[in-house]
Amino acid sequence: MRLLEHVPLRTCLGCGKRATKGTLIRFTRPAGGTLQLGLDAATGRGGYIHRDQACWRQFATRKGLLRSLRCNVDRPERVALIEQITQNEPVASLG
């Protein structure tokens, strides 16, 4: 009997859909810091978002607590993260 390989799934903080970890962009928020693009080994609370502008827009306009980060993140900080992503990541779609 062959065992299936475990594929880690994460939830996009923009659209809320689950996807494989490798298809999402990871970001972190170190203790007392601001949101920043992160590597898998980066310290601090982390979250994931699709490489899709629609998800970026949803993330930037959301209100309230980001449960994966265990804190509230204000809109200017979310917009600043999206600007970082825009400069550093390929875009999946323009819709």
PDB file of N, CA and C in Angstrom:
ATOM      1  N   MET A   1       0.837  -1.179   0.000  1.00  0.00           N
ATOM      2  CA  MET A   1       0.000   0.000   0.000  1.00  0.00           C
ATOM      3  C   MET A   1       0.884   1.246   0.000  1.00  0.00           C
ATOM      4  N   ARG A   2       0.625   2.142  -0.930  1.00  0.00           N
ATOM      5  CA  ARG A   2       1.417   3.368  -1.070  1.00  0.00           C
ATOM      6  C   ARG A   2       0.775   4.494  -0.275  1.00  0.00           C
ATOM      7  N   LEU A   3       1.578   5.170   0.528  1.00  0.00           N
ATOM      8  CA  LEU A   3       1.080   6.302   1.295  1.00  0.00           C
ATOM      9  C   LEU A   3       1.138   7.570   0.459  1.00  0.00           C
ATOM     10  N   LEU A   4       0.122   8.379   0.558  1.00  0.00           N
ATOM     11  CA  LEU A   4       0.107   9.645  -0.163  1.00  0.00           C
ATOM     12  C   LEU A   4       0.957  10.668   0.577  1.00  0.00           C
ATOM     13  N   GLU A   5       1.646  11.494  -0.197  1.00  0.00           N
ATOM     14  CA  GLU A   5       2.469  12.549   0.384  1.00  0.00           C
ATOM     15  C   GLU A   5       1.571  13.659   0.930  1.00  0.00           C
ATOM     16  N   HIS A   6       1.904  14.153   2.099  1.00  0.00           N
ATOM     17  CA  HIS A   6       1.143  15.249   2.708  1.00  0.00           C
ATOM     18  C   HIS A   6       1.420  16.550   1.963  1.00  0.00           C
ATOM     19  N   VAL A   7       0.373  17.238   1.589  1.00  0.00           N
ATOM     20  CA  VAL A   7       0.494  18.533   0.924  1.00  0.00           C
ATOM     21  C   VAL A   7      -0.093  19.584   1.856  1.00  0.00           C
ATOM     22  N   PRO A   8       0.753  20.501   2.381  1.00  0.00           N
ATOM     23  CA  PRO A   8       0.235  21.509   3.311  1.00  0.00           C
ATOM     24  C   PRO A   8      -0.721  22.473   2.624  1.00  0.00           C
ATOM     25  N   LEU A   9      -1.865  22.712   3.254  1.00  0.00           N
ATOM     26  CA  LEU A   9      -2.849  23.665   2.758  1.00  0.00           C
ATOM     27  C   LEU A   9      -2.878  24.870   3.688  1.00  0.00           C
ATOM     28  N   ARG A  10      -3.076  26.040   3.112  1.00  0.00           N
ATOM     29  CA  ARG A  10      -3.184  27.275   3.873  1.00  0.00           C
ATOM     30  C   ARG A  10      -4.384  28.057   3.352  1.00  0.00           C
ATOM     31  N   THR A  11      -4.890  28.963   4.155  1.00  0.00           N
ATOM     32  CA  THR A  11      -6.041  29.778   3.774  1.00  0.00           C
ATOM     33  C   THR A  11      -5.587  31.162   3.360  1.00  0.00           C
ATOM     34  N   CYS A  12      -6.059  31.618   2.207  1.00  0.00           N
ATOM     35  CA  CYS A  12      -5.747  32.958   1.706  1.00  0.00           C
ATOM     36  C   CYS A  12      -6.490  33.976   2.564  1.00  0.00           C
ATOM     37  N   LEU A  13      -5.795  34.998   3.058  1.00  0.00           N
ATOM     38  CA  LEU A  13      -6.425  36.029   3.872  1.00  0.00           C
ATOM     39  C   LEU A  13      -7.136  37.083   3.027  1.00  0.00           C
ATOM     40  N   GLY A  14      -7.114  36.918   1.719  1.00  0.00           N
ATOM     41  CA  GLY A  14      -7.877  37.803   0.839  1.00  0.00           C
ATOM     42  C   GLY A  14      -9.239  37.218   0.545  1.00  0.00           C
ATOM     43  N   CYS A  15      -9.258  36.057  -0.122  1.00  0.00           N
ATOM     44  CA  CYS A  15     -10.524  35.455  -0.547  1.00  0.00           C
ATOM     45  C   CYS A  15     -11.056  34.404   0.424  1.00  0.00           C
ATOM     46  N   GLY A  16     -10.203  33.896   1.299  1.00  0.00           N
ATOM     47  CA  GLY A  16     -10.640  32.897   2.272  1.00  0.00           C
ATOM     48  C   GLY A  16     -10.614  31.467   1.761  1.00  0.00           C
ATOM     49  N   LYS A  17     -10.167  31.254   0.523  1.00  0.00           N
ATOM     50  CA  LYS A  17     -10.111  29.897  -0.031  1.00  0.00           C
ATOM     51  C   LYS A  17      -8.808  29.221   0.380  1.00  0.00           C
ATOM     52  N   ARG A  18      -8.859  27.896   0.459  1.00  0.00           N
ATOM     53  CA  ARG A  18      -7.672  27.118   0.813  1.00  0.00           C
ATOM     54  C   ARG A  18      -6.925  26.736  -0.457  1.00  0.00           C
ATOM     55  N   ALA A  19      -5.594  26.722  -0.355  1.00  0.00           N
ATOM     56  CA  ALA A  19      -4.742  26.362  -1.486  1.00  0.00           C
ATOM     57  C   ALA A  19      -3.460  25.744  -0.940  1.00  0.00           C
ATOM     58  N   THR A  20      -2.710  25.096  -1.827  1.00  0.00           N
ATOM     59  CA  THR A  20      -1.446  24.517  -1.389  1.00  0.00           C
ATOM     60  C   THR A  20      -0.491  25.641  -1.008  1.00  0.00           C
ATOM     61  N   LYS A  21       0.299  25.365  -0.006  1.00  0.00           N
ATOM     62  CA  LYS A  21       1.211  26.366   0.550  1.00  0.00           C
ATOM     63  C   LYS A  21       2.113  26.983  -0.520  1.00  0.00           C
ATOM     64  N   GLY A  22       2.567  26.176  -1.466  1.00  0.00           N
ATOM     65  CA  GLY A  22       3.494  26.647  -2.487  1.00  0.00           C
ATOM     66  C   GLY A  22       2.904  27.621  -3.483  1.00  0.00           C
ATOM     67  N   THR A  23       1.581  27.700  -3.563  1.00  0.00           N
ATOM     68  CA  THR A  23       0.950  28.614  -4.527  1.00  0.00           C
ATOM     69  C   THR A  23       0.603  29.962  -3.920  1.00  0.00           C
ATOM     70  N   LEU A  24       0.872  30.142  -2.629  1.00  0.00           N
ATOM     71  CA  LEU A  24       0.529  31.372  -1.929  1.00  0.00           C
ATOM     72  C   LEU A  24       1.779  32.162  -1.548  1.00  0.00           C
ATOM     73  N   ILE A  25       1.606  33.441  -1.326  1.00  0.00           N
ATOM     74  CA  ILE A  25       2.682  34.320  -0.847  1.00  0.00           C
ATOM     75  C   ILE A  25       2.561  34.378   0.674  1.00  0.00           C
ATOM     76  N   ARG A  26       3.676  34.187   1.372  1.00  0.00           N
ATOM     77  CA  ARG A  26       3.655  34.253   2.833  1.00  0.00           C
ATOM     78  C   ARG A  26       4.113  35.637   3.281  1.00  0.00           C
ATOM     79  N   PHE A  27       3.459  36.143   4.316  1.00  0.00           N
ATOM     80  CA  PHE A  27       3.923  37.375   4.953  1.00  0.00           C
ATOM     81  C   PHE A  27       3.899  37.167   6.451  1.00  0.00           C
ATOM     82  N   THR A  28       4.665  37.983   7.158  1.00  0.00           N
ATOM     83  CA  THR A  28       4.772  37.838   8.601  1.00  0.00           C
ATOM     84  C   THR A  28       4.593  39.190   9.278  1.00  0.00           C
ATOM     85  N   ARG A  29       4.363  39.109  10.560  1.00  0.00           N
ATOM     86  CA  ARG A  29       4.338  40.319  11.384  1.00  0.00           C
ATOM     87  C   ARG A  29       5.112  39.990  12.661  1.00  0.00           C
ATOM     88  N   PRO A  30       6.392  40.363  12.694  1.00  0.00           N
ATOM     89  CA  PRO A  30       7.183  40.123  13.911  1.00  0.00           C
ATOM     90  C   PRO A  30       6.568  40.865  15.090  1.00  0.00           C
ATOM     91  N   ALA A  31       6.830  40.394  16.279  1.00  0.00           N
ATOM     92  CA  ALA A  31       6.282  41.028  17.483  1.00  0.00           C
ATOM     93  C   ALA A  31       6.618  42.524  17.488  1.00  0.00           C
ATOM     94  N   GLY A  32       5.589  43.341  17.570  1.00  0.00           N
ATOM     95  CA  GLY A  32       5.778  44.784  17.618  1.00  0.00           C
ATOM     96  C   GLY A  32       6.148  45.415  16.287  1.00  0.00           C
ATOM     97  N   GLY A  33       6.174  44.633  15.208  1.00  0.00           N
ATOM     98  CA  GLY A  33       6.583  45.155  13.912  1.00  0.00           C
ATOM     99  C   GLY A  33       5.416  45.368  12.971  1.00  0.00           C
ATOM    100  N   THR A  34       5.742  45.582  11.704  1.00  0.00           N
ATOM    101  CA  THR A  34       4.734  45.770  10.677  1.00  0.00           C
ATOM    102  C   THR A  34       4.748  44.587   9.728  1.00  0.00           C
ATOM    103  N   LEU A  35       3.706  44.470   8.924  1.00  0.00           N
ATOM    104  CA  LEU A  35       3.616  43.372   7.960  1.00  0.00           C
ATOM    105  C   LEU A  35       4.760  43.458   6.965  1.00  0.00           C
ATOM    106  N   GLN A  36       5.327  42.298   6.631  1.00  0.00           N
ATOM    107  CA  GLN A  36       6.397  42.247   5.636  1.00  0.00           C
ATOM    108  C   GLN A  36       6.373  40.913   4.937  1.00  0.00           C
ATOM    109  N   LEU A  37       6.855  40.900   3.700  1.00  0.00           N
ATOM    110  CA  LEU A  37       6.968  39.629   2.995  1.00  0.00           C
ATOM    111  C   LEU A  37       7.902  38.737   3.786  1.00  0.00           C
ATOM    112  N   GLY A  38       7.551  37.471   3.900  1.00  0.00           N
ATOM    113  CA  GLY A  38       8.364  36.588   4.725  1.00  0.00           C
ATOM    114  C   GLY A  38       8.720  35.297   4.022  1.00  0.00           C
ATOM    115  N   LEU A  39       9.793  34.709   4.470  1.00  0.00           N
ATOM    116  CA  LEU A  39      10.179  33.386   4.025  1.00  0.00           C
ATOM    117  C   LEU A  39       9.530  32.383   4.958  1.00  0.00           C
ATOM    118  N   ASP A  40       9.534  31.109   4.580  1.00  0.00           N
ATOM    119  CA  ASP A  40       8.929  30.092   5.434  1.00  0.00           C
ATOM    120  C   ASP A  40       9.551  30.068   6.818  1.00  0.00           C
ATOM    121  N   ALA A  41      10.824  30.385   6.913  1.00  0.00           N
ATOM    122  CA  ALA A  41      11.512  30.330   8.197  1.00  0.00           C
ATOM    123  C   ALA A  41      11.461  31.654   8.959  1.00  0.00           C
ATOM    124  N   ALA A  42      10.784  32.659   8.399  1.00  0.00           N
ATOM    125  CA  ALA A  42      10.733  33.961   9.058  1.00  0.00           C
ATOM    126  C   ALA A  42      10.013  33.853  10.393  1.00  0.00           C
ATOM    127  N   THR A  43      10.469  34.622  11.356  1.00  0.00           N
ATOM    128  CA  THR A  43       9.850  34.585  12.672  1.00  0.00           C
ATOM    129  C   THR A  43       8.663  35.523  12.730  1.00  0.00           C
ATOM    130  N   GLY A  44       7.812  35.316  13.690  1.00  0.00           N
ATOM    131  CA  GLY A  44       6.626  36.137  13.845  1.00  0.00           C
ATOM    132  C   GLY A  44       5.403  35.410  13.336  1.00  0.00           C
ATOM    133  N   ARG A  45       4.245  35.977  13.620  1.00  0.00           N
ATOM    134  CA  ARG A  45       2.989  35.405  13.156  1.00  0.00           C
ATOM    135  C   ARG A  45       2.903  35.595  11.655  1.00  0.00           C
ATOM    136  N   GLY A  46       2.366  34.610  10.944  1.00  0.00           N
ATOM    137  CA  GLY A  46       2.338  34.684   9.493  1.00  0.00           C
ATOM    138  C   GLY A  46       0.964  34.463   8.909  1.00  0.00           C
ATOM    139  N   GLY A  47       0.830  34.865   7.662  1.00  0.00           N
ATOM    140  CA  GLY A  47      -0.393  34.666   6.902  1.00  0.00           C
ATOM    141  C   GLY A  47      -0.041  34.424   5.446  1.00  0.00           C
ATOM    142  N   TYR A  48      -1.036  34.067   4.650  1.00  0.00           N
ATOM    143  CA  TYR A  48      -0.825  33.737   3.242  1.00  0.00           C
ATOM    144  C   TYR A  48      -1.856  34.443   2.386  1.00  0.00           C
ATOM    145  N   ILE A  49      -1.455  34.737   1.146  1.00  0.00           N
ATOM    146  CA  ILE A  49      -2.363  35.381   0.198  1.00  0.00           C
ATOM    147  C   ILE A  49      -2.023  34.885  -1.204  1.00  0.00           C
ATOM    148  N   HIS A  50      -3.052  34.740  -2.057  1.00  0.00           N
ATOM    149  CA  HIS A  50      -2.832  34.298  -3.438  1.00  0.00           C
ATOM    150  C   HIS A  50      -2.031  35.336  -4.230  1.00  0.00           C
ATOM    151  N   ARG A  51      -1.444  34.893  -5.307  1.00  0.00           N
ATOM    152  CA  ARG A  51      -0.745  35.789  -6.236  1.00  0.00           C
ATOM    153  C   ARG A  51      -1.758  36.350  -7.233  1.00  0.00           C
ATOM    154  N   ASP A  52      -2.771  36.995  -6.735  1.00  0.00           N
ATOM    155  CA  ASP A  52      -3.888  37.446  -7.552  1.00  0.00           C
ATOM    156  C   ASP A  52      -4.340  38.826  -7.051  1.00  0.00           C
ATOM    157  N   GLN A  53      -4.433  39.777  -7.947  1.00  0.00           N
ATOM    158  CA  GLN A  53      -4.792  41.136  -7.549  1.00  0.00           C
ATOM    159  C   GLN A  53      -6.166  41.219  -6.903  1.00  0.00           C
ATOM    160  N   ALA A  54      -7.090  40.345  -7.281  1.00  0.00           N
ATOM    161  CA  ALA A  54      -8.411  40.364  -6.653  1.00  0.00           C
ATOM    162  C   ALA A  54      -8.289  40.035  -5.163  1.00  0.00           C
ATOM    163  N   CYS A  55      -7.460  39.078  -4.824  1.00  0.00           N
ATOM    164  CA  CYS A  55      -7.238  38.732  -3.415  1.00  0.00           C
ATOM    165  C   CYS A  55      -6.539  39.876  -2.690  1.00  0.00           C
ATOM    166  N   TRP A  56      -5.605  40.533  -3.365  1.00  0.00           N
ATOM    167  CA  TRP A  56      -4.888  41.661  -2.754  1.00  0.00           C
ATOM    168  C   TRP A  56      -5.868  42.765  -2.401  1.00  0.00           C
ATOM    169  N   ARG A  57      -6.805  43.064  -3.327  1.00  0.00           N
ATOM    170  CA  ARG A  57      -7.805  44.113  -3.076  1.00  0.00           C
ATOM    171  C   ARG A  57      -8.703  43.733  -1.901  1.00  0.00           C
ATOM    172  N   GLN A  58      -9.138  42.473  -1.864  1.00  0.00           N
ATOM    173  CA  GLN A  58      -9.992  42.025  -0.760  1.00  0.00           C
ATOM    174  C   GLN A  58      -9.250  42.135   0.570  1.00  0.00           C
ATOM    175  N   PHE A  59      -7.991  41.740   0.586  1.00  0.00           N
ATOM    176  CA  PHE A  59      -7.192  41.809   1.806  1.00  0.00           C
ATOM    177  C   PHE A  59      -7.030  43.263   2.266  1.00  0.00           C
ATOM    178  N   ALA A  60      -6.765  44.161   1.319  1.00  0.00           N
ATOM    179  CA  ALA A  60      -6.522  45.572   1.659  1.00  0.00           C
ATOM    180  C   ALA A  60      -7.777  46.243   2.210  1.00  0.00           C
ATOM    181  N   THR A  61      -8.958  45.818   1.779  1.00  0.00           N
ATOM    182  CA  THR A  61     -10.194  46.491   2.195  1.00  0.00           C
ATOM    183  C   THR A  61     -10.914  45.797   3.344  1.00  0.00           C
ATOM    184  N   ARG A  62     -10.436  44.635   3.756  1.00  0.00           N
ATOM    185  CA  ARG A  62     -11.054  43.925   4.892  1.00  0.00           C
ATOM    186  C   ARG A  62     -10.967  44.742   6.161  1.00  0.00           C
ATOM    187  N   LYS A  63     -11.866  44.478   7.053  1.00  0.00           N
ATOM    188  CA  LYS A  63     -11.838  45.128   8.369  1.00  0.00           C
ATOM    189  C   LYS A  63     -11.649  44.066   9.431  1.00  0.00           C
ATOM    190  N   GLY A  64     -11.139  44.479  10.569  1.00  0.00           N
ATOM    191  CA  GLY A  64     -11.128  43.608  11.727  1.00  0.00           C
ATOM    192  C   GLY A  64      -9.887  42.765  11.916  1.00  0.00           C
ATOM    193  N   LEU A  65     -10.053  41.812  12.801  1.00  0.00           N
ATOM    194  CA  LEU A  65      -8.975  40.950  13.257  1.00  0.00           C
ATOM    195  C   LEU A  65      -8.511  39.989  12.170  1.00  0.00           C
ATOM    196  N   LEU A  66      -7.206  39.817  12.066  1.00  0.00           N
ATOM    197  CA  LEU A  66      -6.645  38.754  11.237  1.00  0.00           C
ATOM    198  C   LEU A  66      -6.281  37.629  12.197  1.00  0.00           C
ATOM    199  N   ARG A  67      -7.097  36.610  12.215  1.00  0.00           N
ATOM    200  CA  ARG A  67      -6.950  35.554  13.211  1.00  0.00           C
ATOM    201  C   ARG A  67      -5.581  34.881  13.154  1.00  0.00           C
ATOM    202  N   SER A  68      -5.037  34.662  11.956  1.00  0.00           N
ATOM    203  CA  SER A  68      -3.732  34.000  11.865  1.00  0.00           C
ATOM    204  C   SER A  68      -2.613  34.851  12.464  1.00  0.00           C
ATOM    205  N   LEU A  69      -2.802  36.174  12.463  1.00  0.00           N
ATOM    206  CA  LEU A  69      -1.790  37.061  13.047  1.00  0.00           C
ATOM    207  C   LEU A  69      -2.095  37.387  14.508  1.00  0.00           C
ATOM    208  N   ARG A  70      -3.307  37.039  14.933  1.00  0.00           N
ATOM    209  CA  ARG A  70      -3.770  37.295  16.296  1.00  0.00           C
ATOM    210  C   ARG A  70      -3.739  38.780  16.669  1.00  0.00           C
ATOM    211  N   CYS A  71      -4.078  39.621  15.698  1.00  0.00           N
ATOM    212  CA  CYS A  71      -4.104  41.058  15.972  1.00  0.00           C
ATOM    213  C   CYS A  71      -4.906  41.778  14.896  1.00  0.00           C
ATOM    214  N   ASN A  72      -5.261  43.016  15.183  1.00  0.00           N
ATOM    215  CA  ASN A  72      -5.867  43.882  14.178  1.00  0.00           C
ATOM    216  C   ASN A  72      -4.752  44.517  13.363  1.00  0.00           C
ATOM    217  N   VAL A  73      -4.995  44.673  12.082  1.00  0.00           N
ATOM    218  CA  VAL A  73      -4.024  45.322  11.198  1.00  0.00           C
ATOM    219  C   VAL A  73      -4.788  46.425  10.469  1.00  0.00           C
ATOM    220  N   ASP A  74      -4.329  47.670  10.618  1.00  0.00           N
ATOM    221  CA  ASP A  74      -5.059  48.777  10.008  1.00  0.00           C
ATOM    222  C   ASP A  74      -4.870  48.798   8.488  1.00  0.00           C
ATOM    223  N   ARG A  75      -5.771  49.507   7.830  1.00  0.00           N
ATOM    224  CA  ARG A  75      -5.782  49.540   6.370  1.00  0.00           C
ATOM    225  C   ARG A  75      -4.474  50.060   5.759  1.00  0.00           C
ATOM    226  N   PRO A  76      -3.854  51.142   6.267  1.00  0.00           N
ATOM    227  CA  PRO A  76      -2.595  51.600   5.667  1.00  0.00           C
ATOM    228  C   PRO A  76      -1.488  50.542   5.713  1.00  0.00           C
ATOM    229  N   GLU A  77      -1.443  49.762   6.779  1.00  0.00           N
ATOM    230  CA  GLU A  77      -0.427  48.708   6.869  1.00  0.00           C
ATOM    231  C   GLU A  77      -0.698  47.591   5.856  1.00  0.00           C
ATOM    232  N   ARG A  78      -1.973  47.275   5.642  1.00  0.00           N
ATOM    233  CA  ARG A  78      -2.333  46.260   4.637  1.00  0.00           C
ATOM    234  C   ARG A  78      -1.973  46.748   3.236  1.00  0.00           C
ATOM    235  N   VAL A  79      -2.278  48.019   2.957  1.00  0.00           N
ATOM    236  CA  VAL A  79      -1.962  48.598   1.644  1.00  0.00           C
ATOM    237  C   VAL A  79      -0.449  48.605   1.417  1.00  0.00           C
ATOM    238  N   ALA A  80       0.322  48.918   2.454  1.00  0.00           N
ATOM    239  CA  ALA A  80       1.785  48.915   2.333  1.00  0.00           C
ATOM    240  C   ALA A  80       2.296  47.514   1.998  1.00  0.00           C
ATOM    241  N   LEU A  81       1.698  46.477   2.591  1.00  0.00           N
ATOM    242  CA  LEU A  81       2.099  45.103   2.265  1.00  0.00           C
ATOM    243  C   LEU A  81       1.780  44.786   0.812  1.00  0.00           C
ATOM    244  N   ILE A  82       0.602  45.187   0.343  1.00  0.00           N
ATOM    245  CA  ILE A  82       0.225  44.940  -1.052  1.00  0.00           C
ATOM    246  C   ILE A  82       1.191  45.651  -1.994  1.00  0.00           C
ATOM    247  N   GLU A  83       1.650  46.839  -1.645  1.00  0.00           N
ATOM    248  CA  GLU A  83       2.650  47.533  -2.470  1.00  0.00           C
ATOM    249  C   GLU A  83       3.951  46.746  -2.514  1.00  0.00           C
ATOM    250  N   GLN A  84       4.373  46.176  -1.379  1.00  0.00           N
ATOM    251  CA  GLN A  84       5.569  45.313  -1.363  1.00  0.00           C
ATOM    252  C   GLN A  84       5.380  44.117  -2.277  1.00  0.00           C
ATOM    253  N   ILE A  85       4.215  43.480  -2.180  1.00  0.00           N
ATOM    254  CA  ILE A  85       3.941  42.300  -3.005  1.00  0.00           C
ATOM    255  C   ILE A  85       3.966  42.684  -4.480  1.00  0.00           C
ATOM    256  N   THR A  86       3.335  43.804  -4.825  1.00  0.00           N
ATOM    257  CA  THR A  86       3.273  44.257  -6.215  1.00  0.00           C
ATOM    258  C   THR A  86       4.673  44.443  -6.802  1.00  0.00           C
ATOM    259  N   GLN A  87       5.595  44.938  -5.994  1.00  0.00           N
ATOM    260  CA  GLN A  87       6.957  45.178  -6.469  1.00  0.00           C
ATOM    261  C   GLN A  87       7.772  43.901  -6.568  1.00  0.00           C
ATOM    262  N   ASN A  88       7.414  42.864  -5.811  1.00  0.00           N
ATOM    263  CA  ASN A  88       8.262  41.674  -5.710  1.00  0.00           C
ATOM    264  C   ASN A  88       7.711  40.381  -6.283  1.00  0.00           C
ATOM    265  N   GLU A  89       6.441  40.336  -6.623  1.00  0.00           N
ATOM    266  CA  GLU A  89       5.828  39.079  -7.047  1.00  0.00           C
ATOM    267  C   GLU A  89       5.205  39.181  -8.432  1.00  0.00           C
ATOM    268  N   PRO A  90       5.244  38.064  -9.188  1.00  0.00           N
ATOM    269  CA  PRO A  90       4.521  38.040 -10.459  1.00  0.00           C
ATOM    270  C   PRO A  90       3.016  37.999 -10.188  1.00  0.00           C
ATOM    271  N   VAL A  91       2.246  38.589 -11.069  1.00  0.00           N
ATOM    272  CA  VAL A  91       0.797  38.674 -10.901  1.00  0.00           C
ATOM    273  C   VAL A  91       0.147  37.520 -11.648  1.00  0.00           C
ATOM    274  N   ALA A  92      -0.832  36.851 -11.003  1.00  0.00           N
ATOM    275  CA  ALA A  92      -1.531  35.725 -11.628  1.00  0.00           C
ATOM    276  C   ALA A  92      -2.644  36.205 -12.549  1.00  0.00           C
ATOM    277  N   SER A  93      -3.346  37.257 -12.159  1.00  0.00           N
ATOM    278  CA  SER A  93      -4.428  37.770 -13.005  1.00  0.00           C
ATOM    279  C   SER A  93      -4.639  39.245 -12.725  1.00  0.00           C
ATOM    280  N   LEU A  94      -5.293  39.900 -13.649  1.00  0.00           N
ATOM    281  CA  LEU A  94      -5.549  41.316 -13.490  1.00  0.00           C
ATOM    282  C   LEU A  94      -6.974  41.585 -13.047  1.00  0.00           C
ATOM    283  N   GLY A  95      -7.762  40.523 -12.834  1.00  0.00           N
ATOM    284  CA  GLY A  95      -9.177  40.670 -12.514  1.00  0.00           C
ATOM    285  C   GLY A  95      -9.415  40.809 -11.099  1.00  0.00           C
TER     286      GLY A  95
END
